[in-house]
């Protein structure tokens, strides 16, 4: 049995006023988590974006460049 299932099972045994207190506590913990990790969504979005942008690039033929392709040389 998962933790969520165990919590559900215990909460269902309690009267409504106590269930509301539990809901308030869960909402408090959720806010606390996101205050500590405000950029979690940004990190997940960046990982997803990079993964999608790079998808199938390893299967593409890369152009081969040599010195004659350069317009300028650094000296």
N, C-alpha and C. Protein backbone atom coordinates (compact mmCIF):
# COMPACT_ATOMS: atom_id res chain seq x y z
N UNK A 1 0.85 -1.18 0.00
CA UNK A 1 0.00 0.00 0.00
C UNK A 1 0.89 1.24 0.00
N UNK A 2 0.59 2.18 -0.88
CA UNK A 2 1.38 3.40 -0.97
C UNK A 2 1.08 4.33 0.20
N UNK A 3 1.93 5.30 0.36
CA UNK A 3 1.75 6.28 1.43
C UNK A 3 0.44 7.04 1.23
N UNK A 4 0.16 7.42 0.00
CA UNK A 4 -1.08 8.16 -0.28
C UNK A 4 -2.30 7.31 0.09
N UNK A 5 -2.24 6.05 -0.23
CA UNK A 5 -3.36 5.16 0.12
C UNK A 5 -3.51 5.03 1.62
N UNK A 6 -2.40 4.95 2.33
CA UNK A 6 -2.46 4.87 3.80
C UNK A 6 -3.04 6.15 4.39
N UNK A 7 -2.61 7.27 3.86
CA UNK A 7 -3.14 8.56 4.34
C UNK A 7 -4.64 8.63 4.08
N UNK A 8 -5.04 8.27 2.87
CA UNK A 8 -6.46 8.26 2.52
C UNK A 8 -7.27 7.40 3.47
N UNK A 9 -6.77 6.24 3.74
CA UNK A 9 -7.47 5.29 4.61
C UNK A 9 -7.66 5.89 6.02
N UNK A 10 -6.62 6.52 6.54
CA UNK A 10 -6.71 7.11 7.87
C UNK A 10 -7.61 8.34 7.90
N UNK A 11 -7.51 9.17 6.86
CA UNK A 11 -8.31 10.39 6.81
C UNK A 11 -9.79 10.06 6.74
N UNK A 12 -10.15 9.05 6.01
CA UNK A 12 -11.56 8.68 5.86
C UNK A 12 -12.20 8.25 7.18
N UNK A 13 -11.40 7.86 8.13
CA UNK A 13 -11.91 7.45 9.44
C UNK A 13 -12.27 8.64 10.33
N UNK A 14 -11.76 9.81 9.96
CA UNK A 14 -11.94 11.00 10.80
C UNK A 14 -13.19 11.78 10.42
N UNK A 15 -13.74 12.54 11.36
CA UNK A 15 -14.88 13.41 11.04
C UNK A 15 -14.43 14.59 10.17
N UNK A 16 -15.40 15.19 9.51
CA UNK A 16 -15.15 16.28 8.56
C UNK A 16 -14.27 17.40 9.10
N UNK A 17 -14.49 17.91 10.31
CA UNK A 17 -13.64 19.00 10.80
C UNK A 17 -12.14 18.63 10.83
N UNK A 18 -11.85 17.40 11.20
CA UNK A 18 -10.45 16.97 11.21
C UNK A 18 -9.91 16.78 9.79
N UNK A 19 -10.75 16.36 8.90
CA UNK A 19 -10.33 16.23 7.51
C UNK A 19 -9.96 17.59 6.93
N UNK A 20 -10.74 18.61 7.31
CA UNK A 20 -10.42 19.97 6.86
C UNK A 20 -9.07 20.43 7.41
N UNK A 21 -8.78 20.09 8.67
CA UNK A 21 -7.47 20.43 9.25
C UNK A 21 -6.34 19.75 8.49
N UNK A 22 -6.56 18.52 8.12
CA UNK A 22 -5.54 17.80 7.35
C UNK A 22 -5.34 18.46 5.99
N UNK A 23 -6.42 18.84 5.35
CA UNK A 23 -6.32 19.54 4.08
C UNK A 23 -5.54 20.83 4.24
N UNK A 24 -5.82 21.59 5.29
CA UNK A 24 -5.08 22.83 5.54
C UNK A 24 -3.58 22.55 5.71
N UNK A 25 -3.26 21.49 6.42
CA UNK A 25 -1.87 21.14 6.65
C UNK A 25 -1.18 20.74 5.33
N UNK A 26 -1.87 19.98 4.50
CA UNK A 26 -1.32 19.57 3.20
C UNK A 26 -1.07 20.81 2.33
N UNK A 27 -2.00 21.74 2.34
CA UNK A 27 -1.82 22.98 1.58
C UNK A 27 -0.63 23.78 2.11
N UNK A 28 -0.46 23.80 3.41
CA UNK A 28 0.69 24.47 4.03
C UNK A 28 2.00 23.82 3.56
N UNK A 29 2.06 22.50 3.59
CA UNK A 29 3.26 21.79 3.15
C UNK A 29 3.55 22.03 1.67
N UNK A 30 2.50 22.11 0.87
CA UNK A 30 2.67 22.37 -0.56
C UNK A 30 3.29 23.75 -0.77
N UNK A 31 2.77 24.76 -0.08
CA UNK A 31 3.34 26.10 -0.19
C UNK A 31 4.78 26.13 0.30
N UNK A 32 5.05 25.45 1.38
CA UNK A 32 6.40 25.39 1.93
C UNK A 32 7.36 24.76 0.92
N UNK A 33 6.95 23.71 0.27
CA UNK A 33 7.78 23.04 -0.73
C UNK A 33 8.09 23.97 -1.89
N UNK A 34 7.08 24.66 -2.42
CA UNK A 34 7.29 25.51 -3.58
C UNK A 34 8.04 26.79 -3.24
N UNK A 35 8.01 27.22 -1.99
CA UNK A 35 8.83 28.36 -1.59
C UNK A 35 10.29 27.97 -1.59
N UNK A 36 10.59 26.74 -1.21
CA UNK A 36 11.97 26.25 -1.20
C UNK A 36 12.45 25.96 -2.62
N UNK A 37 11.55 25.57 -3.49
CA UNK A 37 11.88 25.19 -4.85
C UNK A 37 11.09 26.01 -5.85
N UNK A 38 11.26 27.32 -5.84
CA UNK A 38 10.42 28.16 -6.70
C UNK A 38 10.69 27.93 -8.18
N UNK A 39 11.86 27.44 -8.52
CA UNK A 39 12.22 27.28 -9.91
C UNK A 39 12.05 25.85 -10.40
N UNK A 40 11.42 25.00 -9.63
CA UNK A 40 11.25 23.60 -10.01
C UNK A 40 10.57 23.48 -11.38
N UNK A 41 9.52 24.24 -11.61
CA UNK A 41 8.84 24.20 -12.90
C UNK A 41 9.76 24.67 -14.02
N UNK A 42 10.56 25.71 -13.73
CA UNK A 42 11.50 26.22 -14.74
C UNK A 42 12.54 25.16 -15.10
N UNK A 43 13.04 24.46 -14.08
CA UNK A 43 14.04 23.42 -14.33
C UNK A 43 13.44 22.31 -15.17
N UNK A 44 12.25 21.87 -14.81
CA UNK A 44 11.59 20.80 -15.57
C UNK A 44 11.32 21.24 -17.00
N UNK A 45 10.89 22.49 -17.18
CA UNK A 45 10.60 22.98 -18.53
C UNK A 45 11.89 23.06 -19.35
N UNK A 46 12.97 23.52 -18.74
CA UNK A 46 14.25 23.60 -19.44
C UNK A 46 14.74 22.22 -19.86
N UNK A 47 14.63 21.25 -18.96
CA UNK A 47 15.05 19.88 -19.31
C UNK A 47 14.21 19.35 -20.46
N UNK A 48 12.92 19.58 -20.41
CA UNK A 48 12.04 19.11 -21.48
C UNK A 48 12.39 19.80 -22.81
N UNK A 49 12.59 21.12 -22.76
CA UNK A 49 12.90 21.88 -23.97
C UNK A 49 14.19 21.40 -24.61
N UNK A 50 15.21 21.20 -23.79
CA UNK A 50 16.49 20.75 -24.31
C UNK A 50 16.39 19.35 -24.90
N UNK A 51 15.67 18.48 -24.22
CA UNK A 51 15.48 17.12 -24.71
C UNK A 51 14.78 17.13 -26.06
N UNK A 52 13.74 17.93 -26.19
CA UNK A 52 13.00 17.99 -27.45
C UNK A 52 13.82 18.64 -28.56
N UNK A 53 14.60 19.66 -28.21
CA UNK A 53 15.42 20.34 -29.22
C UNK A 53 16.51 19.42 -29.75
N UNK A 54 17.05 18.57 -28.89
CA UNK A 54 18.16 17.71 -29.29
C UNK A 54 17.70 16.36 -29.84
N UNK A 55 16.41 16.11 -29.79
CA UNK A 55 15.89 14.82 -30.22
C UNK A 55 16.27 14.54 -31.67
N UNK A 56 16.80 13.38 -31.92
CA UNK A 56 17.19 12.87 -33.25
C UNK A 56 18.37 13.59 -33.88
N UNK A 57 19.00 14.53 -33.17
CA UNK A 57 20.16 15.20 -33.74
C UNK A 57 21.35 14.25 -33.90
N UNK A 58 21.44 13.27 -33.02
CA UNK A 58 22.56 12.34 -33.12
C UNK A 58 22.48 11.49 -34.38
N UNK A 59 21.31 11.41 -35.00
CA UNK A 59 21.13 10.63 -36.22
C UNK A 59 21.38 11.43 -37.49
N UNK A 60 21.54 12.74 -37.34
CA UNK A 60 21.76 13.58 -38.52
C UNK A 60 23.23 13.58 -38.90
N UNK A 61 23.49 13.74 -40.19
CA UNK A 61 24.86 13.87 -40.64
C UNK A 61 25.36 15.27 -40.33
N UNK A 62 26.50 15.34 -39.69
CA UNK A 62 27.09 16.64 -39.37
C UNK A 62 27.96 17.08 -40.53
N UNK A 63 27.92 18.37 -40.84
CA UNK A 63 28.80 18.84 -41.91
C UNK A 63 30.25 18.79 -41.42
N UNK A 64 31.15 18.53 -42.32
CA UNK A 64 32.56 18.56 -41.94
C UNK A 64 33.17 19.83 -42.51
N UNK A 65 33.78 20.59 -41.64
CA UNK A 65 34.41 21.84 -42.03
C UNK A 65 35.92 21.67 -41.99
N UNK A 66 36.60 22.41 -42.85
CA UNK A 66 38.05 22.45 -42.79
C UNK A 66 38.50 23.90 -42.91
N UNK A 67 39.78 24.11 -42.95
CA UNK A 67 40.32 25.46 -42.93
C UNK A 67 39.90 26.30 -44.14
N UNK A 68 39.64 25.68 -45.25
CA UNK A 68 39.23 26.43 -46.45
C UNK A 68 37.83 27.02 -46.31
N UNK A 69 37.06 26.54 -45.38
CA UNK A 69 35.71 27.05 -45.14
C UNK A 69 35.71 28.35 -44.32
N UNK A 70 36.82 28.68 -43.71
CA UNK A 70 36.89 29.86 -42.86
C UNK A 70 36.94 31.13 -43.70
N UNK A 71 36.21 32.14 -43.27
CA UNK A 71 36.25 33.43 -43.93
C UNK A 71 37.40 34.27 -43.40
N UNK A 72 37.68 34.10 -42.11
CA UNK A 72 38.77 34.85 -41.48
C UNK A 72 39.57 33.89 -40.61
N UNK A 73 40.85 34.21 -40.48
CA UNK A 73 41.72 33.45 -39.59
C UNK A 73 42.19 34.37 -38.48
N UNK A 74 42.25 33.84 -37.32
CA UNK A 74 42.77 34.59 -36.18
C UNK A 74 44.29 34.46 -36.19
N UNK A 75 44.96 35.56 -36.03
CA UNK A 75 46.43 35.49 -36.05
C UNK A 75 47.01 35.99 -34.77
